[in-house]
Amino acid sequence: MNTEMNNPLMVALQQFEATEANLVKLERLWQEIEKLVPNGIQFGSDLDYEGKCRAFRDILSALPMIDGWKPECYLLSLNDIAQSRFDAQELGELEIIIDVENSIEAPGIDLREYRFKFNKKRLALIQDTLSELIDLVNTDIINLKCNPGSDSFWDALKDHVSQIDTLLGSSVKRPQRWNDLIRHLHFGSLGDFQDIEQIDWPNVKAGLSKSLYDANNPIIVKVKDLSDLVASRPHGPVAAKLEWERLSPDKFERLIFALISAESGYENPEWLMHTNASDRGRDLSVTRVVVDPLAGTIRSRVIIQCKHWLSRSVALDDVTTLIGQMKLWEPPRIDIHVIATSGRFTSDAVAFIEKNNQSDTALRIEMWPESHLERLLAARPSLIAEFRLR
């Protein structure tokens, strides 16, 4: 039995592939139909035009709905087009003339709308798996760096990149340096790996991470007119505390990533991945940019560790363990270590961190507990809404 048929993701991808095959046929047919529509008023029939319209309608019937919608695409005959244009010219009203041309172009507009919806749905289908594969490639590269020349780790890297390629399909644009990554994987020399680690994958990963989280996705609003809310003059206590329990550990990491990605004083945010982390927890790397009017621009490398802990506080032992993990991400040197948690810090942990920051150590530790994050998010209500924390 074909194991792919037992894989729900592959079954779903096959349905999307079949849908896209029909969509591509429709897009091609529409371009051919458009070219056969004469300019101006011209009565008569065209067997080629009629045949393409029949094929178009036949393929259209095979398209599945997306969120309960699919194009209806009513195709006018050439005589109907000529008659509509003739009637509009007789009336001499610009609005009617425009309406006629819009009705002729309507199938193309509907196809573009379907393509937009299709691409969004396909991205939603692959998001979780794509995120997992990005982490696996990070792990493969670290393993190869520690074990140069290992065929098994090299094969794993090739396989995971190949899976990413399959997932992207045509709905997600290949990131910058994708072709360079594929070429270096093919040749597989030590120099190729250095290019993959230092140039290709960082660029590819940044592009993939950007495509994972669509900033243009709408947030559901349950009111039609905001004026109605104001007119009702609502009163009541203001809840400053956020509902952290609504987030999974992964969503908490995404929240912190979104927070640093939206700030002008932070550059090049990216995910990092522990190869041996028991919870497969990811750290975040970002460059903090401070513009000093006298000293100029100061850039600091920041590593952020996210701990979505609702039932316990970050203790002294946790802090020392997390500091030890910083060595995984050097070089280059880490200037600031941020521990972000949906919980709190114990008094011992706070005392240790304060003592560390007063010493001559180069590493500064910052605490971002629940109360600090709530203050940050209070000034960024869009993130509160996006992650449904209220």
Protein backbone atom coordinates (compact mmCIF):
# COMPACT_ATOMS: atom_id res chain seq x y z
CA MET A 1 0.00 0.00 0.00
CA ASN A 2 1.26 3.49 -0.84
CA THR A 3 2.34 5.05 2.47
CA GLU A 4 1.60 8.53 1.10
CA MET A 5 -2.10 7.67 1.02
CA ASN A 6 -1.94 7.11 4.79
CA ASN A 7 -0.43 10.57 5.31
CA PRO A 8 -3.22 13.15 5.78
CA LEU A 9 -0.95 16.03 4.78
CA MET A 10 0.03 14.36 1.49
CA VAL A 11 -3.61 13.52 0.75
CA ALA A 12 -4.50 17.17 1.34
CA LEU A 13 -1.59 18.38 -0.80
CA GLN A 14 -2.72 16.11 -3.65
CA GLN A 15 -6.17 17.71 -3.55
CA PHE A 16 -4.59 21.17 -3.63
CA GLU A 17 -2.38 20.08 -6.53
CA ALA A 18 -5.40 18.82 -8.49
CA THR A 19 -7.23 22.06 -7.78
CA GLU A 20 -4.27 24.12 -8.89
CA ALA A 21 -3.95 22.08 -12.09
CA ASN A 22 -7.53 23.03 -12.95
CA LEU A 23 -6.95 26.62 -11.90
CA VAL A 24 -3.89 26.89 -14.17
CA LYS A 25 -5.95 25.50 -17.07
CA LEU A 26 -8.66 28.09 -16.41
CA GLU A 27 -6.14 30.93 -16.21
CA ARG A 28 -4.59 29.84 -19.53
CA LEU A 29 -7.99 29.43 -21.20
CA TRP A 30 -9.13 32.84 -20.02
CA GLN A 31 -6.05 34.48 -21.58
CA GLU A 32 -6.87 32.73 -24.86
CA ILE A 33 -10.56 33.71 -24.65
CA GLU A 34 -9.67 37.35 -23.98
CA LYS A 35 -7.58 37.47 -27.16
CA LEU A 36 -10.55 36.25 -29.21
CA VAL A 37 -12.87 39.00 -27.97
CA PRO A 38 -12.91 41.65 -30.73
CA ASN A 39 -12.44 45.32 -30.05
CA GLY A 40 -15.51 47.44 -30.64
CA ILE A 41 -18.83 46.17 -31.97
CA GLN A 42 -18.53 43.09 -34.15
CA PHE A 43 -21.38 40.61 -34.61
CA GLY A 44 -20.78 37.02 -35.66
CA SER A 45 -19.66 33.68 -34.26
CA ASP A 46 -16.28 32.06 -33.77
CA LEU A 47 -16.03 28.29 -33.35
CA ASP A 48 -12.67 28.57 -31.56
CA TYR A 49 -14.13 31.06 -29.07
CA GLU A 50 -17.19 28.89 -28.45
CA GLY A 51 -15.06 25.76 -27.94
CA LYS A 52 -12.79 27.46 -25.44
CA CYS A 53 -15.82 28.77 -23.52
CA ARG A 54 -17.25 25.25 -23.29
CA ALA A 55 -13.91 23.89 -22.04
CA PHE A 56 -13.71 26.76 -19.54
CA ARG A 57 -17.15 25.97 -18.10
CA ASP A 58 -16.35 22.27 -17.92
CA ILE A 59 -13.14 22.79 -15.94
CA LEU A 60 -14.78 25.44 -13.75
CA SER A 61 -17.32 22.87 -12.58
CA ALA A 62 -14.46 20.81 -11.11
CA LEU A 63 -13.16 23.62 -8.89
CA PRO A 64 -13.96 23.12 -5.19
CA MET A 65 -15.28 25.95 -3.06
CA ILE A 66 -13.07 27.95 -0.70
CA ASP A 67 -14.93 29.18 2.39
CA GLY A 68 -18.19 28.46 0.61
CA TRP A 69 -17.32 30.45 -2.55
CA LYS A 70 -16.15 29.70 -6.07
CA PRO A 71 -16.29 31.71 -9.32
CA GLU A 72 -19.49 31.55 -11.33
CA CYS A 73 -17.87 33.16 -14.38
CA TYR A 74 -20.71 33.77 -16.83
CA LEU A 75 -19.11 33.91 -20.30
CA LEU A 76 -20.90 36.07 -22.85
CA SER A 77 -21.22 34.97 -26.47
CA LEU A 78 -19.59 37.22 -29.07
CA ASN A 79 -23.03 38.36 -30.26
CA ASP A 80 -24.05 39.18 -26.67
CA ILE A 81 -20.86 41.20 -26.26
CA ALA A 82 -21.51 43.09 -29.50
CA GLN A 83 -25.16 43.75 -28.59
CA SER A 84 -24.27 44.98 -25.09
CA ARG A 85 -21.67 47.35 -26.50
CA PHE A 86 -24.10 48.54 -29.17
CA ASP A 87 -26.81 49.26 -26.57
CA ALA A 88 -24.36 51.07 -24.32
CA GLN A 89 -23.14 53.23 -27.21
CA GLU A 90 -26.73 54.05 -28.15
CA LEU A 91 -27.47 55.25 -24.62
CA GLY A 92 -24.22 57.18 -24.59
CA GLU A 93 -23.72 56.97 -20.82
CA LEU A 94 -20.15 56.39 -19.66
CA GLU A 95 -21.24 54.42 -16.56
CA ILE A 96 -23.17 51.91 -18.69
CA ILE A 97 -20.26 51.55 -21.14
CA ILE A 98 -17.92 50.79 -18.21
CA ASP A 99 -20.41 48.28 -16.75
CA VAL A 100 -20.49 46.39 -20.04
CA GLU A 101 -16.70 46.14 -20.23
CA ASN A 102 -16.58 45.05 -16.58
CA SER A 103 -19.09 42.27 -17.27
CA ILE A 104 -16.87 41.04 -20.10
CA GLU A 105 -13.81 41.04 -17.79
CA ALA A 106 -15.65 39.55 -14.78
CA PRO A 107 -14.40 35.95 -15.25
CA GLY A 108 -10.78 37.10 -15.10
CA ILE A 109 -11.44 39.11 -11.94
CA ASP A 110 -13.12 36.12 -10.29
CA LEU A 111 -10.20 33.84 -11.21
CA ARG A 112 -7.73 36.26 -9.61
CA GLU A 113 -9.87 36.32 -6.47
CA TYR A 114 -9.92 32.50 -6.39
CA ARG A 115 -6.14 32.38 -6.87
CA PHE A 116 -5.68 34.76 -3.92
CA LYS A 117 -7.91 32.62 -1.68
CA PHE A 118 -6.26 29.41 -2.90
CA ASN A 119 -2.75 30.64 -2.07
CA LYS A 120 -3.82 31.71 1.43
CA LYS A 121 -5.48 28.38 2.15
CA ARG A 122 -2.47 26.42 0.91
CA LEU A 123 -0.14 28.45 3.13
CA ALA A 124 -2.43 27.76 6.10
CA LEU A 125 -2.22 24.04 5.26
CA ILE A 126 1.58 23.89 5.28
CA GLN A 127 2.46 26.43 8.02
CA ASP A 128 2.99 24.04 10.93
CA THR A 129 4.95 21.48 8.91
CA LEU A 130 7.05 24.19 7.26
CA SER A 131 7.92 25.61 10.69
CA GLU A 132 8.99 22.14 11.87
CA LEU A 133 11.14 21.62 8.77
CA ILE A 134 12.88 24.96 9.28
CA ASP A 135 13.82 23.79 12.77
CA LEU A 136 15.06 20.48 11.38
CA VAL A 137 17.28 22.21 8.82
CA ASN A 138 18.72 24.34 11.64
CA THR A 139 19.50 21.12 13.49
CA ASP A 140 21.02 19.50 10.38
CA ILE A 141 23.38 22.44 9.86
CA ILE A 142 24.51 22.40 13.50
CA ASN A 143 25.06 18.62 13.30
CA LEU A 144 27.10 18.98 10.10
CA LYS A 145 29.17 21.74 11.64
CA CYS A 146 30.00 19.42 14.55
CA ASN A 147 30.43 16.36 12.27
CA PRO A 148 31.85 17.59 8.95
CA GLY A 149 31.70 15.00 6.20
CA SER A 150 28.90 12.98 7.79
CA ASP A 151 26.88 11.42 4.97
CA SER A 152 23.85 10.77 7.19
CA PHE A 153 23.56 14.39 8.34
CA TRP A 154 24.17 15.64 4.79
CA ASP A 155 21.43 13.34 3.46
CA ALA A 156 19.08 14.56 6.21
CA LEU A 157 19.74 18.17 5.20
CA LYS A 158 19.03 17.40 1.54
CA ASP A 159 15.85 15.55 2.44
CA HIS A 160 14.49 18.31 4.66
CA VAL A 161 15.21 21.01 2.06
CA SER A 162 13.53 18.82 -0.57
CA GLN A 163 10.46 18.53 1.65
CA ILE A 164 10.36 22.31 2.03
CA ASP A 165 10.53 22.62 -1.76
CA THR A 166 7.53 20.31 -2.10
CA LEU A 167 5.54 22.19 0.53
CA LEU A 168 6.11 25.58 -1.08
CA GLY A 169 4.66 24.52 -4.42
CA SER A 170 3.79 27.57 -6.50
CA SER A 171 1.81 29.32 -3.76
CA VAL A 172 4.87 30.57 -1.85
CA LYS A 173 7.62 32.41 -3.68
CA ARG A 174 11.06 30.85 -3.27
CA PRO A 175 13.17 33.06 -0.96
CA GLN A 176 16.31 34.88 -1.96
CA ARG A 177 19.29 32.52 -2.54
CA TRP A 178 17.06 29.46 -2.83
CA ASN A 179 18.73 28.41 -6.09
CA ASP A 180 22.17 28.92 -4.52
CA LEU A 181 21.16 26.67 -1.63
CA ILE A 182 20.04 23.92 -4.04
CA ARG A 183 23.24 24.22 -6.08
CA HIS A 184 25.50 24.00 -3.02
CA LEU A 185 23.53 21.03 -1.71
CA HIS A 186 24.07 19.28 -5.03
CA PHE A 187 27.87 19.66 -5.04
CA GLY A 188 28.24 19.06 -1.30
CA SER A 189 31.85 20.08 -0.73
CA LEU A 190 33.18 21.71 2.46
CA GLY A 191 33.16 25.09 0.73
CA ASP A 192 29.56 24.51 -0.33
CA PHE A 193 28.56 23.79 3.27
CA GLN A 194 30.22 26.99 4.47
CA ASP A 195 28.20 28.94 1.91
CA ILE A 196 25.02 27.15 3.01
CA GLU A 197 25.64 27.83 6.70
CA GLN A 198 26.85 31.43 6.43
CA ILE A 199 24.92 32.84 3.45
CA ASP A 200 22.33 30.62 1.77
CA TRP A 201 20.33 29.26 4.70
CA PRO A 202 20.21 32.52 6.74
CA ASN A 203 18.70 34.29 3.71
CA VAL A 204 16.35 31.41 2.85
CA LYS A 205 15.24 31.03 6.48
CA ALA A 206 14.48 34.74 6.79
CA GLY A 207 12.32 34.59 3.66
CA LEU A 208 10.50 31.46 4.81
CA SER A 209 9.88 32.88 8.29
CA LYS A 210 8.40 36.01 6.74
CA SER A 211 6.02 33.94 4.60
CA LEU A 212 4.92 31.89 7.63
CA TYR A 213 3.30 34.81 9.40
CA ASP A 214 1.12 36.90 7.13
CA ALA A 215 0.82 40.40 8.57
CA ASN A 216 -2.10 41.03 6.21
CA ASN A 217 -4.42 38.45 7.75
CA PRO A 218 -7.59 40.14 9.07
CA ILE A 219 -8.58 40.06 12.73
CA ILE A 220 -12.23 39.15 13.34
CA VAL A 221 -14.32 42.10 14.56
CA LYS A 222 -17.77 41.33 15.98
CA VAL A 223 -19.35 44.72 15.43
CA LYS A 224 -20.43 46.32 12.16
CA ASP A 225 -20.17 49.96 13.24
CA LEU A 226 -17.85 51.20 16.00
CA SER A 227 -20.08 54.22 16.48
CA ASP A 228 -22.73 51.90 17.94
CA LEU A 229 -20.29 50.87 20.67
CA VAL A 230 -19.50 54.49 21.54
CA ALA A 231 -23.18 55.47 21.50
CA SER A 232 -23.99 52.72 24.03
CA ARG A 233 -21.63 54.49 26.53
CA PRO A 234 -20.25 51.25 28.03
CA HIS A 235 -18.85 51.31 31.59
CA GLY A 236 -16.97 48.81 33.72
CA PRO A 237 -13.57 47.97 35.21
CA VAL A 238 -10.57 47.86 32.88
CA ALA A 239 -8.82 44.48 32.79
CA ALA A 240 -5.07 45.07 32.48
CA LYS A 241 -4.14 41.39 33.01
CA LEU A 242 -3.88 39.33 29.85
CA GLU A 243 -5.13 35.76 29.42
CA TRP A 244 -1.78 34.03 28.97
CA GLU A 245 -3.38 30.60 29.31
CA ARG A 246 -4.80 31.03 25.81
CA LEU A 247 -1.31 30.67 24.35
CA SER A 248 0.60 27.47 23.70
CA PRO A 249 4.39 27.61 24.21
CA ASP A 250 4.78 27.90 20.43
CA LYS A 251 2.29 30.78 20.24
CA PHE A 252 4.10 32.52 23.11
CA GLU A 253 7.35 32.33 21.11
CA ARG A 254 5.52 33.72 18.07
CA LEU A 255 4.17 36.59 20.16
CA ILE A 256 7.66 37.59 21.30
CA PHE A 257 8.93 37.22 17.72
CA ALA A 258 6.11 39.48 16.48
CA LEU A 259 6.91 41.97 19.24
CA ILE A 260 10.57 42.38 18.29
CA SER A 261 9.84 42.22 14.55
CA ALA A 262 7.54 45.24 14.70
CA GLU A 263 9.97 47.55 16.52
CA SER A 264 12.15 50.00 14.59
CA GLY A 265 14.99 49.59 17.11
CA TYR A 266 15.39 45.89 16.36
CA GLU A 267 16.95 44.38 13.23
CA ASN A 268 17.24 40.90 11.70
CA PRO A 269 15.01 38.89 14.05
CA GLU A 270 15.35 35.14 13.56
CA TRP A 271 14.51 31.80 15.17
CA LEU A 272 17.19 29.61 16.70
CA MET A 273 16.83 25.94 17.56
CA HIS A 274 18.42 23.76 20.25
CA THR A 275 19.55 20.45 18.80
CA ASN A 276 19.21 18.70 22.18
CA ALA A 277 16.43 20.67 23.87
CA SER A 278 14.00 18.29 25.54
CA ASP A 279 11.06 20.59 24.73
CA ARG A 280 12.45 21.57 21.30
CA GLY A 281 12.18 25.14 22.56
CA ARG A 282 13.41 27.86 20.26
CA ASP A 283 15.41 30.93 21.18
CA LEU A 284 15.21 34.21 19.29
CA SER A 285 18.11 36.24 17.98
CA VAL A 286 17.85 39.93 17.15
CA THR A 287 20.08 42.99 16.86
CA ARG A 288 19.16 45.90 19.13
CA VAL A 289 20.00 49.26 17.58
CA VAL A 290 20.51 52.31 19.79
CA VAL A 291 21.24 55.66 18.16
CA ASP A 292 23.29 57.86 20.50
CA PRO A 293 23.60 61.51 19.37
CA LEU A 294 27.22 61.59 20.55
CA ALA A 295 28.52 58.03 20.24
CA GLY A 296 26.64 57.17 17.05
CA THR A 297 24.81 53.92 16.32
CA ILE A 298 25.38 51.07 18.76
CA ARG A 299 24.35 47.54 17.79
CA SER A 300 24.03 44.78 20.39
CA ARG A 301 23.40 41.10 19.75
CA VAL A 302 20.42 39.93 21.80
CA ILE A 303 19.30 36.36 22.48
CA ILE A 304 15.77 35.98 23.86
CA GLN A 305 14.71 32.79 25.62
CA CYS A 306 10.95 32.29 25.93
CA LYS A 307 9.45 30.41 28.86
CA HIS A 308 5.67 30.10 28.81
CA TRP A 309 5.33 29.04 32.44
CA LEU A 310 1.94 29.63 34.02
CA SER A 311 2.31 27.50 37.15
CA ARG A 312 5.89 28.27 38.20
CA SER A 313 8.36 31.11 38.35
CA VAL A 314 11.81 31.30 36.79
CA ALA A 315 14.15 30.22 39.58
CA LEU A 316 17.88 30.72 40.14
CA ASP A 317 18.70 27.25 38.80
CA ASP A 318 16.71 28.03 35.65
CA VAL A 319 18.65 31.25 35.10
CA THR A 320 22.06 29.60 35.45
CA THR A 321 20.99 26.82 33.10
CA LEU A 322 19.76 29.32 30.53
CA ILE A 323 22.99 31.30 30.77
CA GLY A 324 24.92 28.11 30.06
CA GLN A 325 22.87 27.58 26.92
CA MET A 326 24.05 30.95 25.59
CA LYS A 327 27.30 29.28 24.55
CA LEU A 328 25.34 27.45 21.86
CA TRP A 329 24.91 30.71 19.97
CA GLU A 330 28.48 32.03 20.17
CA PRO A 331 30.34 33.26 18.21
CA PRO A 332 29.58 36.06 17.58
CA ARG A 333 29.48 37.35 21.14
CA ILE A 334 26.12 37.78 22.85
CA ASP A 335 25.76 41.19 24.48
CA ILE A 336 22.29 40.89 26.03
CA HIS A 337 20.41 37.84 27.30
CA VAL A 338 16.65 38.35 27.65
CA ILE A 339 14.51 35.86 29.58
CA ALA A 340 10.86 36.41 28.60
CA THR A 341 8.24 34.57 30.63
CA SER A 342 4.48 34.60 31.04
CA GLY A 343 5.17 34.01 34.74
CA ARG A 344 7.50 35.66 37.25
CA PHE A 345 11.02 35.44 38.67
CA THR A 346 11.84 34.18 42.16
CA SER A 347 13.57 36.59 44.54
CA ASP A 348 16.81 34.53 44.34
CA ALA A 349 16.77 34.75 40.55
CA VAL A 350 16.18 38.51 40.64
CA ALA A 351 19.05 39.01 43.12
CA PHE A 352 21.40 36.91 40.98
CA ILE A 353 20.55 38.82 37.79
CA GLU A 354 20.94 42.20 39.47
CA LYS A 355 24.33 41.16 40.87
CA ASN A 356 25.39 39.89 37.43
CA ASN A 357 24.46 43.18 35.77
CA GLN A 358 26.46 45.16 38.37
CA SER A 359 29.56 43.04 37.80
CA ASP A 360 32.17 43.43 35.07
CA THR A 361 30.78 40.57 32.97
CA ALA A 362 30.11 41.45 29.34
CA LEU A 363 26.76 39.66 29.29
CA ARG A 364 23.81 41.72 30.50
CA ILE A 365 20.67 39.83 31.54
CA GLU A 366 17.22 41.36 31.17
CA MET A 367 14.04 40.07 32.79
CA TRP A 368 10.80 40.29 30.83
CA PRO A 369 8.22 38.87 33.27
CA GLU A 370 4.47 38.82 32.83
CA SER A 371 4.05 42.36 34.24
CA HIS A 372 6.68 43.78 31.87
CA LEU A 373 5.16 42.07 28.83
CA GLU A 374 1.71 43.35 29.77
CA ARG A 375 3.06 46.91 29.85
CA LEU A 376 4.71 46.44 26.45
CA LEU A 377 1.55 44.97 24.92
CA ALA A 378 -0.70 47.65 26.43
CA ALA A 379 0.97 50.07 24.01
CA ARG A 380 0.56 47.57 21.17
CA PRO A 381 -3.12 46.53 21.25
CA SER A 382 -2.91 45.09 17.74
CA LEU A 383 -0.77 42.23 19.10
CA ILE A 384 -3.21 41.66 21.95
CA ALA A 385 -5.98 41.24 19.37
CA GLU A 386 -3.92 39.13 16.98
CA PHE A 387 -3.00 36.63 19.69
CA ARG A 388 -6.43 36.82 21.38
CA LEU A 389 -5.04 37.66 24.78
CA ARG A 390 -8.07 39.64 25.94
